[in-house]
C-alpha atoms as a PDB file:
ATOM      1  CA  UNK A   1      52.587  13.125 -16.326  1.00  0.00           C
ATOM      2  CA  UNK A   2      54.587  13.932 -13.208  1.00  0.00           C
ATOM      3  CA  UNK A   3      54.597  11.628 -10.205  1.00  0.00           C
ATOM      4  CA  UNK A   4      51.663  12.046  -7.824  1.00  0.00           C
ATOM      5  CA  UNK A   5      48.094  10.871  -7.392  1.00  0.00           C
ATOM      6  CA  UNK A   6      46.775   9.152 -10.489  1.00  0.00           C
ATOM      7  CA  UNK A   7      43.267  10.571 -10.936  1.00  0.00           C
ATOM      8  CA  UNK A   8      42.577   8.263 -13.877  1.00  0.00           C
ATOM      9  CA  UNK A   9      43.332   5.263 -11.681  1.00  0.00           C
ATOM     10  CA  UNK A  10      41.112   6.685  -8.908  1.00  0.00           C
ATOM     11  CA  UNK A  11      38.150   6.746 -11.296  1.00  0.00           C
ATOM     12  CA  UNK A  12      39.147   3.507 -12.997  1.00  0.00           C
ATOM     13  CA  UNK A  13      39.372   4.980 -16.500  1.00  0.00           C
ATOM     14  CA  UNK A  14      42.114   5.245 -19.097  1.00  0.00           C
ATOM     15  CA  UNK A  15      43.974   8.483 -19.889  1.00  0.00           C
ATOM     16  CA  UNK A  16      42.155   8.568 -23.228  1.00  0.00           C
ATOM     17  CA  UNK A  17      38.713   8.309 -21.606  1.00  0.00           C
ATOM     18  CA  UNK A  18      36.047  10.642 -22.974  1.00  0.00           C
ATOM     19  CA  UNK A  19      34.157  13.138 -20.870  1.00  0.00           C
ATOM     20  CA  UNK A  20      31.118  10.849 -20.809  1.00  0.00           C
ATOM     21  CA  UNK A  21      33.224   7.895 -19.673  1.00  0.00           C
ATOM     22  CA  UNK A  22      34.723   9.995 -16.869  1.00  0.00           C
ATOM     23  CA  UNK A  23      31.283  11.191 -15.812  1.00  0.00           C
ATOM     24  CA  UNK A  24      29.866   7.652 -15.868  1.00  0.00           C
ATOM     25  CA  UNK A  25      32.761   6.321 -13.784  1.00  0.00           C
ATOM     26  CA  UNK A  26      32.295   9.071 -11.203  1.00  0.00           C
ATOM     27  CA  UNK A  27      28.529   8.525 -11.063  1.00  0.00           C
ATOM     28  CA  UNK A  28      28.972   4.818 -10.325  1.00  0.00           C
ATOM     29  CA  UNK A  29      31.602   5.436  -7.655  1.00  0.00           C
ATOM     30  CA  UNK A  30      29.645   8.295  -6.068  1.00  0.00           C
ATOM     31  CA  UNK A  31      26.595   6.084  -5.800  1.00  0.00           C
ATOM     32  CA  UNK A  32      28.717   3.472  -4.002  1.00  0.00           C
ATOM     33  CA  UNK A  33      30.795   5.643  -1.650  1.00  0.00           C
ATOM     34  CA  UNK A  34      28.675   8.712  -0.869  1.00  0.00           C
ATOM     35  CA  UNK A  35      28.539   9.328   2.923  1.00  0.00           C
ATOM     36  CA  UNK A  36      24.742   9.540   2.902  1.00  0.00           C
ATOM     37  CA  UNK A  37      24.718   5.970   1.639  1.00  0.00           C
ATOM     38  CA  UNK A  38      27.503   4.887   4.035  1.00  0.00           C
ATOM     39  CA  UNK A  39      26.761   6.778   7.281  1.00  0.00           C
ATOM     40  CA  UNK A  40      29.647   6.618   9.762  1.00  0.00           C
ATOM     41  CA  UNK A  41      31.953   4.769   7.346  1.00  0.00           C
ATOM     42  CA  UNK A  42      35.236   6.718   7.427  1.00  0.00           C
ATOM     43  CA  UNK A  43      36.841   4.685   4.651  1.00  0.00           C
ATOM     44  CA  UNK A  44      33.927   5.422   2.340  1.00  0.00           C
ATOM     45  CA  UNK A  45      34.143   9.078   3.332  1.00  0.00           C
ATOM     46  CA  UNK A  46      37.829   9.285   2.401  1.00  0.00           C
ATOM     47  CA  UNK A  47      37.228   7.377  -0.816  1.00  0.00           C
ATOM     48  CA  UNK A  48      34.459   9.777  -1.779  1.00  0.00           C
ATOM     49  CA  UNK A  49      36.730  12.786  -1.178  1.00  0.00           C
ATOM     50  CA  UNK A  50      39.302  11.190  -3.446  1.00  0.00           C
ATOM     51  CA  UNK A  51      36.924  10.404  -6.320  1.00  0.00           C
ATOM     52  CA  UNK A  52      35.302  13.840  -6.050  1.00  0.00           C
ATOM     53  CA  UNK A  53      38.719  15.471  -6.312  1.00  0.00           C
ATOM     54  CA  UNK A  54      39.625  13.312  -9.303  1.00  0.00           C
ATOM     55  CA  UNK A  55      36.370  14.107 -11.081  1.00  0.00           C
ATOM     56  CA  UNK A  56      36.632  17.843 -10.432  1.00  0.00           C
ATOM     57  CA  UNK A  57      39.996  17.954 -12.185  1.00  0.00           C
ATOM     58  CA  UNK A  58      39.330  15.517 -15.019  1.00  0.00           C
ATOM     59  CA  UNK A  59      35.884  16.895 -15.876  1.00  0.00           C
ATOM     60  CA  UNK A  60      37.182  20.433 -16.401  1.00  0.00           C
ATOM     61  CA  UNK A  61      39.045  20.643 -19.756  1.00  0.00           C
ATOM     62  CA  UNK A  62      41.562  23.274 -18.551  1.00  0.00           C
ATOM     63  CA  UNK A  63      42.309  21.476 -15.286  1.00  0.00           C
ATOM     64  CA  UNK A  64      42.562  18.161 -17.116  1.00  0.00           C
ATOM     65  CA  UNK A  65      45.052  19.646 -19.574  1.00  0.00           C
ATOM     66  CA  UNK A  66      47.179  21.037 -16.733  1.00  0.00           C
ATOM     67  CA  UNK A  67      46.999  17.740 -14.847  1.00  0.00           C
ATOM     68  CA  UNK A  68      48.004  15.728 -17.935  1.00  0.00           C
ATOM     69  CA  UNK A  69      51.085  17.959 -18.351  1.00  0.00           C
ATOM     70  CA  UNK A  70      52.222  18.507 -14.751  1.00  0.00           C
ATOM     71  CA  UNK A  71      50.301  16.065 -12.521  1.00  0.00           C
ATOM     72  CA  UNK A  72      49.131  17.324  -9.117  1.00  0.00           C
ATOM     73  CA  UNK A  73      52.012  19.781  -9.051  1.00  0.00           C
ATOM     74  CA  UNK A  74      50.239  21.680 -11.792  1.00  0.00           C
ATOM     75  CA  UNK A  75      47.634  22.869  -9.255  1.00  0.00           C
ATOM     76  CA  UNK A  76      49.992  24.133  -6.553  1.00  0.00           C
ATOM     77  CA  UNK A  77      49.821  27.905  -6.332  1.00  0.00           C
ATOM     78  CA  UNK A  78      48.121  28.248  -9.734  1.00  0.00           C
ATOM     79  CA  UNK A  79      45.311  30.808  -9.991  1.00  0.00           C
ATOM     80  CA  UNK A  80      41.976  28.995 -10.157  1.00  0.00           C
ATOM     81  CA  UNK A  81      43.704  25.739  -9.262  1.00  0.00           C
ATOM     82  CA  UNK A  82      42.013  23.019  -7.283  1.00  0.00           C
ATOM     83  CA  UNK A  83      41.263  23.752  -3.639  1.00  0.00           C
ATOM     84  CA  UNK A  84      39.421  21.077  -1.682  1.00  0.00           C
ATOM     85  CA  UNK A  85      35.856  21.978  -0.739  1.00  0.00           C
ATOM     86  CA  UNK A  86      35.901  19.638   2.239  1.00  0.00           C
ATOM     87  CA  UNK A  87      36.497  20.768   5.797  1.00  0.00           C
ATOM     88  CA  UNK A  88      36.664  17.175   6.999  1.00  0.00           C
ATOM     89  CA  UNK A  89      33.061  17.218   8.257  1.00  0.00           C
ATOM     90  CA  UNK A  90      31.053  15.148   5.810  1.00  0.00           C
ATOM     91  CA  UNK A  91      27.871  16.354   7.455  1.00  0.00           C
ATOM     92  CA  UNK A  92      28.568  19.632   5.619  1.00  0.00           C
ATOM     93  CA  UNK A  93      29.030  17.910   2.304  1.00  0.00           C
ATOM     94  CA  UNK A  94      25.884  19.393   0.790  1.00  0.00           C
ATOM     95  CA  UNK A  95      26.917  22.919   1.793  1.00  0.00           C
ATOM     96  CA  UNK A  96      30.437  22.537   0.395  1.00  0.00           C
ATOM     97  CA  UNK A  97      29.326  21.354  -3.026  1.00  0.00           C
ATOM     98  CA  UNK A  98      27.683  24.010  -5.125  1.00  0.00           C
ATOM     99  CA  UNK A  99      25.810  21.956  -7.673  1.00  0.00           C
ATOM    100  CA  UNK A 100      26.791  23.344 -11.049  1.00  0.00           C
ATOM    101  CA  UNK A 101      27.460  26.731  -9.417  1.00  0.00           C
ATOM    102  CA  UNK A 102      30.515  28.161  -7.685  1.00  0.00           C
ATOM    103  CA  UNK A 103      32.323  24.855  -7.566  1.00  0.00           C
ATOM    104  CA  UNK A 104      32.398  24.815 -11.354  1.00  0.00           C
ATOM    105  CA  UNK A 105      32.215  21.029 -11.518  1.00  0.00           C
ATOM    106  CA  UNK A 106      30.324  20.130 -14.680  1.00  0.00           C
ATOM    107  CA  UNK A 107      27.410  17.755 -14.334  1.00  0.00           C
ATOM    108  CA  UNK A 108      27.377  17.546 -10.520  1.00  0.00           C
ATOM    109  CA  UNK A 109      23.733  18.558 -10.266  1.00  0.00           C
ATOM    110  CA  UNK A 110      22.623  15.934 -12.778  1.00  0.00           C
ATOM    111  CA  UNK A 111      24.735  13.206 -11.200  1.00  0.00           C
ATOM    112  CA  UNK A 112      23.503  13.801  -7.660  1.00  0.00           C
ATOM    113  CA  UNK A 113      19.921  14.077  -8.868  1.00  0.00           C
ATOM    114  CA  UNK A 114      20.287  10.566 -10.298  1.00  0.00           C
ATOM    115  CA  UNK A 115      21.641   9.223  -7.015  1.00  0.00           C
ATOM    116  CA  UNK A 116      19.430  11.050  -4.517  1.00  0.00           C
ATOM    117  CA  UNK A 117      16.417  12.173  -6.530  1.00  0.00           C
ATOM    118  CA  UNK A 118      15.564  15.676  -7.669  1.00  0.00           C
ATOM    119  CA  UNK A 119      16.445  17.285  -4.315  1.00  0.00           C
ATOM    120  CA  UNK A 120      19.938  15.858  -3.981  1.00  0.00           C
ATOM    121  CA  UNK A 121      21.691  15.752  -0.576  1.00  0.00           C
ATOM    122  CA  UNK A 122      20.528  18.387   1.884  1.00  0.00           C
ATOM    123  CA  UNK A 123      22.798  21.382   2.002  1.00  0.00           C
ATOM    124  CA  UNK A 124      24.185  22.445   5.316  1.00  0.00           C
ATOM    125  CA  UNK A 125      23.846  19.142   7.166  1.00  0.00           C
ATOM    126  CA  UNK A 126      23.293  15.396   6.940  1.00  0.00           C
ATOM    127  CA  UNK A 127      20.956  14.274   4.195  1.00  0.00           C
ATOM    128  CA  UNK A 128      17.295  14.478   5.190  1.00  0.00           C
ATOM    129  CA  UNK A 129      15.773  13.505   1.869  1.00  0.00           C
ATOM    130  CA  UNK A 130      12.274  11.994   2.135  1.00  0.00           C
ATOM    131  CA  UNK A 131      12.288   8.220   2.525  1.00  0.00           C
ATOM    132  CA  UNK A 132       9.225   6.079   1.938  1.00  0.00           C
ATOM    133  CA  UNK A 133       8.118   3.983   4.905  1.00  0.00           C
ATOM    134  CA  UNK A 134       8.433   0.219   4.986  1.00  0.00           C
ATOM    135  CA  UNK A 135       5.679  -1.938   3.477  1.00  0.00           C
ATOM    136  CA  UNK A 136       3.807  -4.143   5.956  1.00  0.00           C
ATOM    137  CA  UNK A 137       2.117  -7.516   5.398  1.00  0.00           C
ATOM    138  CA  UNK A 138      -0.714  -9.002   7.457  1.00  0.00           C
ATOM    139  CA  UNK A 139      -2.805 -12.122   7.000  1.00  0.00           C
ATOM    140  CA  UNK A 140      -6.560 -11.651   6.748  1.00  0.00           C
ATOM    141  CA  UNK A 141      -9.152 -14.427   6.956  1.00  0.00           C
ATOM    142  CA  UNK A 142     -12.089 -14.009   4.567  1.00  0.00           C
ATOM    143  CA  UNK A 143     -15.208 -16.133   4.303  1.00  0.00           C
ATOM    144  CA  UNK A 144     -15.833 -18.092   1.110  1.00  0.00           C
ATOM    145  CA  UNK A 145     -18.708 -15.936  -0.183  1.00  0.00           C
ATOM    146  CA  UNK A 146     -17.005 -12.565   0.422  1.00  0.00           C
ATOM    147  CA  UNK A 147     -13.916 -13.771  -1.427  1.00  0.00           C
ATOM    148  CA  UNK A 148     -16.059 -14.650  -4.443  1.00  0.00           C
ATOM    149  CA  UNK A 149     -18.447 -11.706  -4.508  1.00  0.00           C
ATOM    150  CA  UNK A 150     -16.379  -8.996  -2.817  1.00  0.00           C
ATOM    151  CA  UNK A 151     -17.375  -6.821   0.103  1.00  0.00           C
ATOM    152  CA  UNK A 152     -16.038  -4.675   2.925  1.00  0.00           C
ATOM    153  CA  UNK A 153     -14.241  -5.781   6.072  1.00  0.00           C
ATOM    154  CA  UNK A 154     -13.169  -3.827   9.129  1.00  0.00           C
ATOM    155  CA  UNK A 155      -9.814  -5.011  10.439  1.00  0.00           C
ATOM    156  CA  UNK A 156      -7.666  -3.938  13.362  1.00  0.00           C
ATOM    157  CA  UNK A 157      -3.948  -3.397  12.875  1.00  0.00           C
ATOM    158  CA  UNK A 158      -1.604  -3.199  15.878  1.00  0.00           C
ATOM    159  CA  UNK A 159       1.114  -0.627  15.252  1.00  0.00           C
ATOM    160  CA  UNK A 160       4.181   0.070  17.380  1.00  0.00           C
ATOM    161  CA  UNK A 161       4.053   3.419  19.127  1.00  0.00           C
ATOM    162  CA  UNK A 162       6.544   4.714  21.688  1.00  0.00           C
ATOM    163  CA  UNK A 163       8.827   1.722  21.935  1.00  0.00           C
ATOM    164  CA  UNK A 164       6.985  -1.367  23.126  1.00  0.00           C
ATOM    165  CA  UNK A 165       3.560   0.236  23.368  1.00  0.00           C
ATOM    166  CA  UNK A 166       1.172  -0.645  20.566  1.00  0.00           C
ATOM    167  CA  UNK A 167      -1.688   1.396  19.198  1.00  0.00           C
ATOM    168  CA  UNK A 168      -4.591  -0.257  17.363  1.00  0.00           C
ATOM    169  CA  UNK A 169      -5.825   1.229  14.110  1.00  0.00           C
ATOM    170  CA  UNK A 170      -9.138   0.158  12.587  1.00  0.00           C
ATOM    171  CA  UNK A 171      -9.239   0.084   8.795  1.00  0.00           C
ATOM    172  CA  UNK A 172     -12.225  -0.453   6.524  1.00  0.00           C
ATOM    173  CA  UNK A 173     -10.936  -2.637   3.699  1.00  0.00           C
ATOM    174  CA  UNK A 174     -12.617  -3.172   0.342  1.00  0.00           C
ATOM    175  CA  UNK A 175     -12.350  -6.817  -0.680  1.00  0.00           C
ATOM    176  CA  UNK A 176     -12.342  -7.158  -4.494  1.00  0.00           C
ATOM    177  CA  UNK A 177     -14.410  -9.996  -5.953  1.00  0.00           C
ATOM    178  CA  UNK A 178     -12.559 -13.123  -6.992  1.00  0.00           C
ATOM    179  CA  UNK A 179      -9.715 -13.108  -4.449  1.00  0.00           C
ATOM    180  CA  UNK A 180      -8.355 -16.538  -3.546  1.00  0.00           C
ATOM    181  CA  UNK A 181      -6.094 -18.222  -1.011  1.00  0.00           C
ATOM    182  CA  UNK A 182      -2.721 -16.470  -1.155  1.00  0.00           C
ATOM    183  CA  UNK A 183      -4.037 -13.382  -2.962  1.00  0.00           C
ATOM    184  CA  UNK A 184      -2.638 -10.079  -1.736  1.00  0.00           C
ATOM    185  CA  UNK A 185      -4.752  -6.968  -1.335  1.00  0.00           C
ATOM    186  CA  UNK A 186      -2.768  -3.719  -1.462  1.00  0.00           C
ATOM    187  CA  UNK A 187      -3.898  -0.837   0.709  1.00  0.00           C
ATOM    188  CA  UNK A 188      -1.878   2.205  -0.360  1.00  0.00           C
ATOM    189  CA  UNK A 189      -0.365   4.438   2.302  1.00  0.00           C
ATOM    190  CA  UNK A 190      -1.208   2.233   5.296  1.00  0.00           C
ATOM    191  CA  UNK A 191       2.266   0.826   5.952  1.00  0.00           C
ATOM    192  CA  UNK A 192       4.900   2.305   8.236  1.00  0.00           C
ATOM    193  CA  UNK A 193       5.392   6.088   8.311  1.00  0.00           C
ATOM    194  CA  UNK A 194       8.099   7.562   6.109  1.00  0.00           C
ATOM    195  CA  UNK A 195      11.069   9.576   7.298  1.00  0.00           C
ATOM    196  CA  UNK A 196      11.670  13.264   6.682  1.00  0.00           C
ATOM    197  CA  UNK A 197       8.149  13.819   5.339  1.00  0.00           C
ATOM    198  CA  UNK A 198       8.431  10.761   3.082  1.00  0.00           C
ATOM    199  CA  UNK A 199       5.352   8.838   2.015  1.00  0.00           C
ATOM    200  CA  UNK A 200       4.009   6.011   4.132  1.00  0.00           C
ATOM    201  CA  UNK A 201       4.599   2.490   2.964  1.00  0.00           C
ATOM    202  CA  UNK A 202       1.797   0.227   1.788  1.00  0.00           C
ATOM    203  CA  UNK A 203      -0.175  -2.449   3.605  1.00  0.00           C
ATOM    204  CA  UNK A 204      -0.457  -5.863   1.946  1.00  0.00           C
ATOM    205  CA  UNK A 205      -3.176  -8.212   3.190  1.00  0.00           C
ATOM    206  CA  UNK A 206      -2.525 -11.885   2.409  1.00  0.00           C
ATOM    207  CA  UNK A 207      -5.835 -13.712   1.989  1.00  0.00           C
ATOM    208  CA  UNK A 208      -6.709 -16.932   3.796  1.00  0.00           C
ATOM    209  CA  UNK A 209     -10.126 -18.370   2.918  1.00  0.00           C
ATOM    210  CA  UNK A 210     -12.503 -19.900   5.424  1.00  0.00           C
ATOM    211  CA  UNK A 211     -13.651 -23.285   4.025  1.00  0.00           C
ATOM    212  CA  UNK A 212     -17.254 -23.557   2.789  1.00  0.00           C
ATOM    213  CA  UNK A 213     -19.481 -26.349   4.168  1.00  0.00           C
ATOM    214  CA  UNK A 214     -20.262 -27.842   0.732  1.00  0.00           C
ATOM    215  CA  UNK A 215     -18.340 -25.999  -1.991  1.00  0.00           C
ATOM    216  CA  UNK A 216     -14.676 -26.399  -2.862  1.00  0.00           C
ATOM    217  CA  UNK A 217     -12.764 -24.055  -5.124  1.00  0.00           C
ATOM    218  CA  UNK A 218      -9.862 -24.445  -7.539  1.00  0.00           C
ATOM    219  CA  UNK A 219      -8.969 -21.056  -9.026  1.00  0.00           C
ATOM    220  CA  UNK A 220     -12.185 -19.986 -10.810  1.00  0.00           C
ATOM    221  CA  UNK A 221     -13.942 -23.362 -10.787  1.00  0.00           C
ATOM    222  CA  UNK A 222     -16.310 -24.610  -8.096  1.00  0.00           C
ATOM    223  CA  UNK A 223     -16.700 -28.287  -7.106  1.00  0.00           C
ATOM    224  CA  UNK A 224     -19.618 -29.942  -5.336  1.00  0.00           C
ATOM    225  CA  UNK A 225     -20.187 -33.526  -4.201  1.00  0.00           C
ATOM    226  CA  UNK A 226     -23.871 -34.104  -4.979  1.00  0.00           C
ATOM    227  CA  UNK A 227     -25.686 -37.137  -3.520  1.00  0.00           C
ATOM    228  CA  UNK A 228     -28.419 -38.936  -5.482  1.00  0.00           C
ATOM    229  CA  UNK A 229     -30.565 -41.889  -4.451  1.00  0.00           C
ATOM    230  CA  UNK A 230     -30.125 -45.290  -6.004  1.00  0.00           C
ATOM    231  CA  UNK A 231     -33.503 -44.820  -7.667  1.00  0.00           C
ATOM    232  CA  UNK A 232     -32.479 -41.463  -9.205  1.00  0.00           C
ATOM    233  CA  UNK A 233     -29.287 -43.058 -10.435  1.00  0.00           C
ATOM    234  CA  UNK A 234     -31.145 -46.001 -11.995  1.00  0.00           C
ATOM    235  CA  UNK A 235     -34.167 -44.199 -13.401  1.00  0.00           C
ATOM    236  CA  UNK A 236     -32.772 -40.730 -13.982  1.00  0.00           C
ATOM    237  CA  UNK A 237     -34.179 -37.515 -12.512  1.00  0.00           C
ATOM    238  CA  UNK A 238     -34.218 -33.731 -12.708  1.00  0.00           C
ATOM    239  CA  UNK A 239     -32.864 -32.136  -9.546  1.00  0.00           C
ATOM    240  CA  UNK A 240     -32.015 -28.689  -8.197  1.00  0.00           C
ATOM    241  CA  UNK A 241     -28.333 -28.094  -7.503  1.00  0.00           C
ATOM    242  CA  UNK A 242     -27.005 -25.229  -5.321  1.00  0.00           C
ATOM    243  CA  UNK A 243     -24.540 -22.803  -6.932  1.00  0.00           C
ATOM    244  CA  UNK A 244     -22.564 -19.865  -5.527  1.00  0.00           C
ATOM    245  CA  UNK A 245     -25.328 -17.537  -6.785  1.00  0.00           C
ATOM    246  CA  UNK A 246     -28.614 -19.437  -6.467  1.00  0.00           C
ATOM    247  CA  UNK A 247     -29.728 -22.868  -7.766  1.00  0.00           C
ATOM    248  CA  UNK A 248     -29.617 -24.571 -11.148  1.00  0.00           C
ATOM    249  CA  UNK A 249     -31.626 -27.409 -12.682  1.00  0.00           C
ATOM    250  CA  UNK A 250     -29.593 -30.502 -13.467  1.00  0.00           C
ATOM    251  CA  UNK A 251     -30.827 -33.498 -15.448  1.00  0.00           C
ATOM    252  CA  UNK A 252     -29.483 -36.791 -14.105  1.00  0.00           C
ATOM    253  CA  UNK A 253     -29.397 -39.373 -16.922  1.00  0.00           C
ATOM    254  CA  UNK A 254     -30.730 -42.853 -16.177  1.00  0.00           C
ATOM    255  CA  UNK A 255     -28.048 -45.373 -15.236  1.00  0.00           C
ATOM    256  CA  UNK A 256     -25.515 -42.751 -14.131  1.00  0.00           C
ATOM    257  CA  UNK A 257     -22.485 -44.195 -12.347  1.00  0.00           C
ATOM    258  CA  UNK A 258     -21.153 -43.172  -8.971  1.00  0.00           C
ATOM    259  CA  UNK A 259     -18.318 -40.638  -9.364  1.00  0.00           C
ATOM    260  CA  UNK A 260     -19.563 -39.255 -12.684  1.00  0.00           C
ATOM    261  CA  UNK A 261     -18.681 -35.573 -13.092  1.00  0.00           C
ATOM    262  CA  UNK A 262     -21.133 -33.161 -14.681  1.00  0.00           C
ATOM    263  CA  UNK A 263     -20.516 -29.514 -15.579  1.00  0.00           C
ATOM    264  CA  UNK A 264     -22.582 -26.365 -15.120  1.00  0.00           C
ATOM    265  CA  UNK A 265     -20.955 -23.958 -17.549  1.00  0.00           C
ATOM    266  CA  UNK A 266     -20.384 -20.410 -16.340  1.00  0.00           C
ATOM    267  CA  UNK A 267     -21.501 -21.092 -12.769  1.00  0.00           C
ATOM    268  CA  UNK A 268     -18.068 -20.647 -11.211  1.00  0.00           C
ATOM    269  CA  UNK A 269     -16.143 -17.597  -9.964  1.00  0.00           C
ATOM    270  CA  UNK A 270     -15.901 -14.378 -11.972  1.00  0.00           C
ATOM    271  CA  UNK A 271     -12.265 -13.710 -12.930  1.00  0.00           C
ATOM    272  CA  UNK A 272     -11.640 -10.041 -12.012  1.00  0.00           C
ATOM    273  CA  UNK A 273      -9.053  -9.645 -14.774  1.00  0.00           C
ATOM    274  CA  UNK A 274     -10.651 -11.402 -17.749  1.00  0.00           C
ATOM    275  CA  UNK A 275     -14.276 -10.880 -16.577  1.00  0.00           C
ATOM    276  CA  UNK A 276     -14.983 -14.486 -17.525  1.00  0.00           C
ATOM    277  CA  UNK A 277     -16.589 -16.979 -15.173  1.00  0.00           C
ATOM    278  CA  UNK A 278     -15.329 -20.418 -14.357  1.00  0.00           C
ATOM    279  CA  UNK A 279     -17.535 -23.518 -14.240  1.00  0.00           C
ATOM    280  CA  UNK A 280     -19.139 -25.574 -11.502  1.00  0.00           C
ATOM    281  CA  UNK A 281     -18.446 -29.314 -11.515  1.00  0.00           C
ATOM    282  CA  UNK A 282     -20.896 -31.767  -9.963  1.00  0.00           C
ATOM    283  CA  UNK A 283     -19.496 -35.026  -8.615  1.00  0.00           C
ATOM    284  CA  UNK A 284     -22.315 -37.575  -8.486  1.00  0.00           C
ATOM    285  CA  UNK A 285     -22.361 -39.615  -5.290  1.00  0.00           C
ATOM    286  CA  UNK A 286     -24.854 -42.517  -5.315  1.00  0.00           C
ATOM    287  CA  UNK A 287     -26.096 -42.685  -1.732  1.00  0.00           C
ATOM    288  CA  UNK A 288     -27.616 -45.681   0.015  1.00  0.00           C
ATOM    289  CA  UNK A 289     -30.108 -45.378   2.879  1.00  0.00           C
ATOM    290  CA  UNK A 290     -28.567 -45.460   6.343  1.00  0.00           C
ATOM    291  CA  UNK A 291     -31.100 -48.004   7.552  1.00  0.00           C
ATOM    292  CA  UNK A 292     -33.739 -50.266   5.919  1.00  0.00           C
ATOM    293  CA  UNK A 293     -36.635 -52.214   7.360  1.00  0.00           C
ATOM    294  CA  UNK A 294     -36.974 -55.942   6.874  1.00  0.00           C
ATOM    295  CA  UNK A 295     -39.727 -55.335   4.310  1.00  0.00           C
ATOM    296  CA  UNK A 296     -37.508 -52.964   2.314  1.00  0.00           C
ATOM    297  CA  UNK A 297     -34.662 -55.461   2.386  1.00  0.00           C
ATOM    298  CA  UNK A 298     -37.067 -58.179   1.174  1.00  0.00           C
ATOM    299  CA  UNK A 299     -38.147 -56.025  -1.781  1.00  0.00           C
ATOM    300  CA  UNK A 300     -34.546 -55.310  -2.717  1.00  0.00           C
ATOM    301  CA  UNK A 301     -33.815 -59.036  -2.568  1.00  0.00           C
ATOM    302  CA  UNK A 302     -36.758 -59.811  -4.836  1.00  0.00           C
ATOM    303  CA  UNK A 303     -35.631 -57.087  -7.255  1.00  0.00           C
ATOM    304  CA  UNK A 304     -32.058 -58.404  -7.333  1.00  0.00           C
ATOM    305  CA  UNK A 305     -33.315 -61.872  -8.257  1.00  0.00           C
ATOM    306  CA  UNK A 306     -35.176 -60.509 -11.271  1.00  0.00           C
ATOM    307  CA  UNK A 307     -32.218 -58.504 -12.622  1.00  0.00           C
ATOM    308  CA  UNK A 308     -29.719 -60.107 -14.950  1.00  0.00           C
ATOM    309  CA  UNK A 309     -26.907 -57.924 -13.694  1.00  0.00           C
ATOM    310  CA  UNK A 310     -23.321 -58.739 -12.716  1.00  0.00           C
ATOM    311  CA  UNK A 311     -21.037 -55.697 -12.197  1.00  0.00           C
ATOM    312  CA  UNK A 312     -18.012 -58.019 -11.706  1.00  0.00           C
ATOM    313  CA  UNK A 313     -18.283 -59.769 -15.020  1.00  0.00           C
ATOM    314  CA  UNK A 314     -14.931 -58.421 -16.278  1.00  0.00           C
ATOM    315  CA  UNK A 315     -12.968 -59.535 -13.240  1.00  0.00           C
ATOM    316  CA  UNK A 316     -14.671 -62.841 -12.429  1.00  0.00           C
ATOM    317  CA  UNK A 317     -12.273 -64.698 -14.725  1.00  0.00           C
ATOM    318  CA  UNK A 318      -9.399 -63.715 -12.431  1.00  0.00           C
ATOM    319  CA  UNK A 319     -11.012 -65.273  -9.373  1.00  0.00           C
ATOM    320  CA  UNK A 320     -10.990 -68.926  -8.416  1.00  0.00           C
END
């Protein structure tokens, strides 16, 4: 090869590279240096001219053969030899490249379709390919029951319009059942507008739950602190317990201890994916009266004297 520009070096391939290797090298470099991807970057513009020129000559078997024998000098004054398609205005890039047509550069249409989508760069001016708008995220506060059962909420979104002026858009949002703290609800096409007729981005609503007065939630399970009287704890009882749907009957065994946990199977939250329900857990809280009369205190004293009961039996040996 005669002295001159080394097209193989420009594309980063060996002289024995196959056509597919040359095409792959050009595709990677074109994706990196194309002016539509590097607007206003003169160095990238010059680099792209150089790799395009190298690919045009190495992708054509006849031109490649001539270049391998004579170097760049092989194209000077030769009929059908390489003539640059660039006028120096990269805004006209799309007009100067005839994809798979008059330029005769094999594979250009396929390569640029991969980089820019089916339309490729716009011919006759700067690329105006459709660009999807940016996704937007807002936080939405949802009450405990709506998060569990689902529902509809109207929300207002402030959107920038004309610089610093903001327009308010009201959206009716469907809340799926089973959402939890941190869940994200996707509302398609309600993000920022796209460019050049591109699709709008999406709106993502991050859920924050309003606490419930008595229920607590952990994923699909519900927890409830349930107070019982000392008499119910001692003698046992059947009581009604509130659930997220209605009420359930719960049998309190005699002699139940404070802090005992009982389970109501299938009374939790419906998992929207598995369609299985969690459970509800009842934490027994033995509750004493706030106040007692002297007579009531006297009766408790008499009762305590008749009971052979010492709850500290196991630890008494450690006391003086």
